[in-house]
Protein backbone atom coordinates (compact mmCIF):
# COMPACT_ATOMS: atom_id res chain seq x y z
CA UNK A 1 1.26 -8.89 19.26
CA UNK A 2 4.77 -10.20 18.61
CA UNK A 3 5.93 -10.68 15.02
CA UNK A 4 8.39 -13.43 15.97
CA UNK A 5 7.72 -16.54 13.86
CA UNK A 6 4.87 -14.80 12.00
CA UNK A 7 4.78 -15.08 8.21
CA UNK A 8 4.15 -11.87 6.31
CA UNK A 9 3.56 -11.23 2.60
CA UNK A 10 4.52 -7.76 1.36
CA UNK A 11 3.76 -6.61 -2.18
CA UNK A 12 5.76 -3.82 -3.77
CA UNK A 13 8.71 -4.93 -1.65
CA UNK A 14 11.59 -3.90 -3.92
CA UNK A 15 11.79 -0.24 -2.86
CA UNK A 16 10.42 2.58 -0.71
CA UNK A 17 7.85 1.84 1.97
CA UNK A 18 7.58 -1.83 1.03
CA UNK A 19 11.31 -2.43 1.27
CA UNK A 20 11.73 -0.63 4.61
CA UNK A 21 8.64 -2.28 6.11
CA UNK A 22 9.96 -5.68 5.04
CA UNK A 23 13.29 -4.96 6.75
CA UNK A 24 11.49 -3.82 9.90
CA UNK A 25 9.45 -7.05 9.97
CA UNK A 26 12.63 -9.10 9.47
CA UNK A 27 14.31 -7.28 12.36
CA UNK A 28 11.27 -8.16 14.49
CA UNK A 29 11.73 -11.89 13.87
CA UNK A 30 9.10 -12.42 11.16
CA UNK A 31 9.49 -14.51 8.05
CA UNK A 32 8.85 -12.18 5.10
CA UNK A 33 7.70 -13.15 1.62
CA UNK A 34 8.71 -10.40 -0.80
CA UNK A 35 6.59 -9.77 -3.88
CA UNK A 36 7.55 -7.34 -6.66
CA UNK A 37 8.11 -7.27 -10.40
CA UNK A 38 11.87 -6.81 -10.03
CA UNK A 39 13.68 -9.90 -8.78
CA UNK A 40 17.02 -8.12 -9.22
CA UNK A 41 16.06 -5.19 -6.99
CA UNK A 42 14.77 -7.49 -4.26
CA UNK A 43 17.90 -9.65 -4.38
CA UNK A 44 20.14 -6.58 -4.18
CA UNK A 45 18.18 -5.02 -1.28
CA UNK A 46 17.89 -8.19 0.83
CA UNK A 47 21.11 -10.06 0.04
CA UNK A 48 22.37 -9.80 3.64
CA UNK A 49 19.28 -11.54 5.10
CA UNK A 50 18.87 -15.24 5.82
CA UNK A 51 17.24 -16.86 2.79
CA UNK A 52 14.98 -19.01 4.97
CA UNK A 53 13.61 -15.90 6.70
CA UNK A 54 13.37 -13.74 3.60
CA UNK A 55 11.89 -15.33 0.46
CA UNK A 56 11.64 -13.65 -2.95
CA UNK A 57 8.69 -14.17 -5.32
CA UNK A 58 8.83 -12.02 -8.49
CA UNK A 59 5.35 -11.26 -9.83
CA UNK A 60 3.54 -8.62 -11.88
CA UNK A 61 0.33 -7.74 -10.03
CA UNK A 62 -1.28 -6.33 -13.17
CA UNK A 63 -1.77 -9.98 -14.25
CA UNK A 64 -5.02 -10.25 -12.32
CA UNK A 65 -6.01 -13.65 -13.71
CA UNK A 66 -2.79 -15.21 -12.35
CA UNK A 67 -2.96 -13.84 -8.80
CA UNK A 68 -5.03 -16.71 -7.37
CA UNK A 69 -2.65 -19.45 -8.56
CA UNK A 70 0.33 -17.30 -7.48
CA UNK A 71 -1.03 -16.98 -3.92
CA UNK A 72 -1.82 -20.72 -3.83
CA UNK A 73 1.79 -21.49 -4.81
CA UNK A 74 3.12 -19.28 -2.02
CA UNK A 75 0.90 -20.92 0.60
CA UNK A 76 1.83 -24.43 -0.60
CA UNK A 77 5.55 -23.67 -0.43
CA UNK A 78 5.73 -21.37 2.60
CA UNK A 79 2.87 -22.51 4.84
CA UNK A 80 0.30 -20.44 6.76
CA UNK A 81 0.22 -16.69 6.19
CA UNK A 82 -0.42 -14.49 9.24
CA UNK A 83 -0.24 -11.00 7.73
CA UNK A 84 -0.74 -9.60 4.23
CA UNK A 85 0.54 -6.09 3.53
CA UNK A 86 -0.89 -4.87 0.22
CA UNK A 87 1.66 -2.17 -0.55
CA UNK A 88 2.22 -2.17 -4.32
CA UNK A 89 0.81 0.70 -6.32
CA UNK A 90 1.38 3.34 -8.97
CA UNK A 91 0.48 7.01 -8.95
CA UNK A 92 -0.91 9.43 -11.50
CA UNK A 93 -0.87 13.22 -11.84
CA UNK A 94 -2.91 14.94 -14.54
CA UNK A 95 -5.98 17.05 -15.10
CA UNK A 96 -8.93 14.84 -15.99
CA UNK A 97 -9.61 16.83 -19.17
CA UNK A 98 -6.14 15.93 -20.48
CA UNK A 99 -5.88 12.29 -19.43
CA UNK A 100 -5.97 9.27 -21.68
CA UNK A 101 -8.54 6.89 -20.18
CA UNK A 102 -6.09 4.00 -20.58
CA UNK A 103 -4.24 5.53 -17.60
CA UNK A 104 -7.42 5.18 -15.54
CA UNK A 105 -7.54 1.47 -16.39
CA UNK A 106 -3.84 0.94 -15.64
CA UNK A 107 -3.94 2.65 -12.23
CA UNK A 108 -7.22 1.00 -11.20
CA UNK A 109 -5.88 -2.40 -12.23
CA UNK A 110 -2.80 -2.16 -9.97
CA UNK A 111 -3.96 0.12 -7.16
CA UNK A 112 -7.46 -1.27 -6.70
CA UNK A 113 -8.18 -4.53 -8.48
CA UNK A 114 -4.86 -6.24 -7.67
CA UNK A 115 -5.56 -5.58 -3.96
CA UNK A 116 -9.09 -6.98 -4.29
CA UNK A 117 -7.83 -10.08 -6.13
CA UNK A 118 -4.89 -10.70 -3.76
CA UNK A 119 -7.09 -10.22 -0.70
CA UNK A 120 -9.76 -12.53 -2.12
CA UNK A 121 -7.15 -15.20 -2.85
CA UNK A 122 -5.75 -15.17 0.69
CA UNK A 123 -9.01 -14.63 2.59
CA UNK A 124 -10.26 -18.23 2.52
CA UNK A 125 -6.83 -19.39 3.70
CA UNK A 126 -6.97 -17.00 6.67
CA UNK A 127 -10.53 -18.03 7.52
CA UNK A 128 -9.54 -21.72 7.47
CA UNK A 129 -6.46 -20.84 9.52
CA UNK A 130 -8.50 -19.22 12.28
CA UNK A 131 -7.58 -15.60 11.56
CA UNK A 132 -5.00 -13.17 10.29
CA UNK A 133 -4.45 -9.53 9.42
CA UNK A 134 -4.72 -7.63 6.15
CA UNK A 135 -2.99 -4.24 6.01
CA UNK A 136 -3.20 -2.07 2.91
CA UNK A 137 -1.31 1.03 1.81
CA UNK A 138 -4.04 3.36 0.56
CA UNK A 139 -2.69 6.94 0.79
CA UNK A 140 -4.15 10.13 2.22
CA UNK A 141 -5.49 10.56 -1.33
CA UNK A 142 -8.14 8.03 -0.29
CA UNK A 143 -9.31 10.37 2.46
CA UNK A 144 -9.17 13.78 0.78
CA UNK A 145 -9.02 14.96 -2.80
CA UNK A 146 -6.78 17.44 -4.61
CA UNK A 147 -6.26 18.75 -8.13
CA UNK A 148 -4.73 16.41 -10.73
CA UNK A 149 -5.59 13.33 -8.65
CA UNK A 150 -8.84 12.20 -10.29
CA UNK A 151 -7.33 8.84 -11.25
CA UNK A 152 -5.28 8.21 -8.12
CA UNK A 153 -7.96 9.32 -5.65
CA UNK A 154 -10.58 7.25 -7.48
CA UNK A 155 -8.52 4.10 -6.87
CA UNK A 156 -7.71 5.02 -3.27
CA UNK A 157 -11.27 6.03 -2.31
CA UNK A 158 -12.43 2.72 -3.80
CA UNK A 159 -9.93 0.91 -1.59
CA UNK A 160 -11.21 2.65 1.53
CA UNK A 161 -14.78 1.64 0.70
CA UNK A 162 -13.73 -1.93 -0.01
CA UNK A 163 -11.64 -2.30 3.15
CA UNK A 164 -14.12 -0.64 5.51
CA UNK A 165 -16.87 -2.92 4.19
CA UNK A 166 -14.62 -5.98 4.39
CA UNK A 167 -13.78 -5.18 8.02
CA UNK A 168 -17.45 -5.49 8.92
CA UNK A 169 -17.63 -8.93 7.28
CA UNK A 170 -14.44 -10.64 8.44
CA UNK A 171 -14.21 -9.61 12.10
CA UNK A 172 -16.18 -12.74 13.00
CA UNK A 173 -13.34 -14.80 11.48
CA UNK A 174 -10.72 -13.12 13.70
CA UNK A 175 -9.30 -11.22 10.72
CA UNK A 176 -8.21 -7.63 11.31
CA UNK A 177 -8.14 -4.93 8.62
CA UNK A 178 -5.64 -2.07 8.92
CA UNK A 179 -5.63 0.89 6.53
CA UNK A 180 -2.24 2.58 6.07
CA UNK A 181 -2.66 6.11 4.66
CA UNK A 182 0.70 7.77 3.90
CA UNK A 183 1.09 11.46 3.22
CA UNK A 184 4.42 12.65 1.83
CA UNK A 185 7.07 9.94 2.26
CA UNK A 186 10.53 10.07 0.67
CA UNK A 187 10.49 7.36 -2.05
CA UNK A 188 10.67 7.17 -5.85
CA UNK A 189 6.88 7.00 -6.00
CA UNK A 190 6.55 10.51 -7.41
CA UNK A 191 9.18 9.84 -10.05
CA UNK A 192 7.36 6.71 -11.23
CA UNK A 193 3.80 8.08 -11.24
CA UNK A 194 2.11 8.38 -14.62
CA UNK A 195 1.37 11.53 -16.60
CA UNK A 196 -1.69 12.09 -18.80
CA UNK A 197 -0.33 9.73 -21.50
CA UNK A 198 0.79 6.98 -19.12
CA UNK A 199 4.49 7.88 -19.12
CA UNK A 200 6.55 8.00 -15.90
CA UNK A 201 6.52 11.49 -14.42
CA UNK A 202 10.28 11.54 -13.85
CA UNK A 203 10.51 13.76 -10.76
CA UNK A 204 9.59 13.61 -7.10
CA UNK A 205 8.54 17.25 -6.57
CA UNK A 206 7.85 17.90 -2.85
CA UNK A 207 8.44 14.30 -1.72
CA UNK A 208 11.97 15.26 -0.61
CA UNK A 209 10.38 17.15 2.30
CA UNK A 210 8.47 14.10 3.48
CA UNK A 211 8.91 11.44 6.12
CA UNK A 212 11.72 8.95 5.57
CA UNK A 213 10.71 5.45 4.46
CA UNK A 214 12.41 4.01 7.56
CA UNK A 215 10.33 6.19 9.90
CA UNK A 216 7.22 5.37 7.88
CA UNK A 217 7.95 1.65 8.35
CA UNK A 218 8.15 2.10 12.15
CA UNK A 219 4.72 3.75 12.19
CA UNK A 220 3.30 1.00 9.96
CA UNK A 221 4.65 -1.83 12.15
CA UNK A 222 3.25 -0.19 15.27
CA UNK A 223 -0.18 0.17 13.61
CA UNK A 224 -0.19 -3.47 12.52
CA UNK A 225 1.06 -4.65 15.92
CA UNK A 226 -1.73 -2.73 17.66
CA UNK A 227 -4.28 -3.81 15.03
CA UNK A 228 -5.25 -0.21 14.32
CA UNK A 229 -8.24 0.44 12.10
CA UNK A 230 -6.44 3.23 10.25
CA UNK A 231 -3.23 5.25 10.57
CA UNK A 232 -1.98 8.34 8.75
CA UNK A 233 1.75 8.01 8.01
CA UNK A 234 3.14 11.50 7.82
CA UNK A 235 5.08 14.24 9.57
CA UNK A 236 2.87 16.35 11.79
CA UNK A 237 3.85 19.39 9.73
CA UNK A 238 2.79 17.69 6.48
CA UNK A 239 -0.07 19.30 4.58
CA UNK A 240 -1.72 15.84 4.65
CA UNK A 241 -2.58 16.20 8.35
CA UNK A 242 -3.75 19.77 7.84
CA UNK A 243 -5.87 18.69 4.87
CA UNK A 244 -7.52 15.78 6.70
CA UNK A 245 -8.40 17.90 9.73
CA UNK A 246 -9.69 20.88 7.74
CA UNK A 247 -11.67 18.57 5.43
CA UNK A 248 -13.33 16.92 8.44
CA UNK A 249 -14.24 20.04 10.41
CA UNK A 250 -14.30 22.84 7.82
CA UNK A 251 -15.10 21.25 4.44
CA UNK A 252 -15.97 24.56 2.72
CA UNK A 253 -12.58 26.01 3.66
CA UNK A 254 -10.86 22.81 2.53
CA UNK A 255 -12.36 22.93 -0.96
CA UNK A 256 -11.67 26.67 -1.24
CA UNK A 257 -7.97 25.99 -0.53
CA UNK A 258 -7.74 22.76 -2.52
CA UNK A 259 -8.74 24.58 -5.73
CA UNK A 260 -5.71 26.83 -5.31
CA UNK A 261 -3.04 24.40 -4.11
CA UNK A 262 -1.13 21.66 -5.94
CA UNK A 263 -0.54 19.22 -3.07
């Protein structure tokens, strides 16, 4: 599949994986609709691109009740949408016994429900249009669990269940579902994740040893181009790959190790 003259919506496009994936799509000839809370960050990051090929739409995805009208506005102004990349999300790191349940609601609202609402809003358009593709950034945390990830993994496992079920329903409409599951990627995601009280964590910990966002974007574009069911975005030496393989073939060993490791 060529991306030339395709129209792509990317949420969480102002930094990290979203920003680099948007740039990769633009370099491939696609028209990209950028969605993020920060208009200023998007303008600064994409100022060198042609404004007709790269369109900025500031929006806060936590406003679930406004997503449908927001998507309708985009379609009216920009025309048919070929690909949706649900990329926006927030993280959380805390023991469940310490966490304020408001953090659960905040993470689920952005990481799970905003994806469900955005996908629902664009689905009828894609069906009427004869097809399309929905890719979603879910994280390896939606495949395996680790300590201090009760909130984050809950949202990501929910996404995997939603998307795998949706795939079975929409294939008949020529709509492809691609799950993007990153391991450690170098972004500010770790710095912005929430602690037990809902405050930004403030540091990236081991993310500096991860895959670059640019390399992650190349893997993501290849997966979308080939209409992959699921792809893990990670260095081969990343503990994410080790964890997924051990969890699949030696689950008892995985849980023995996972109790003792902060991944």
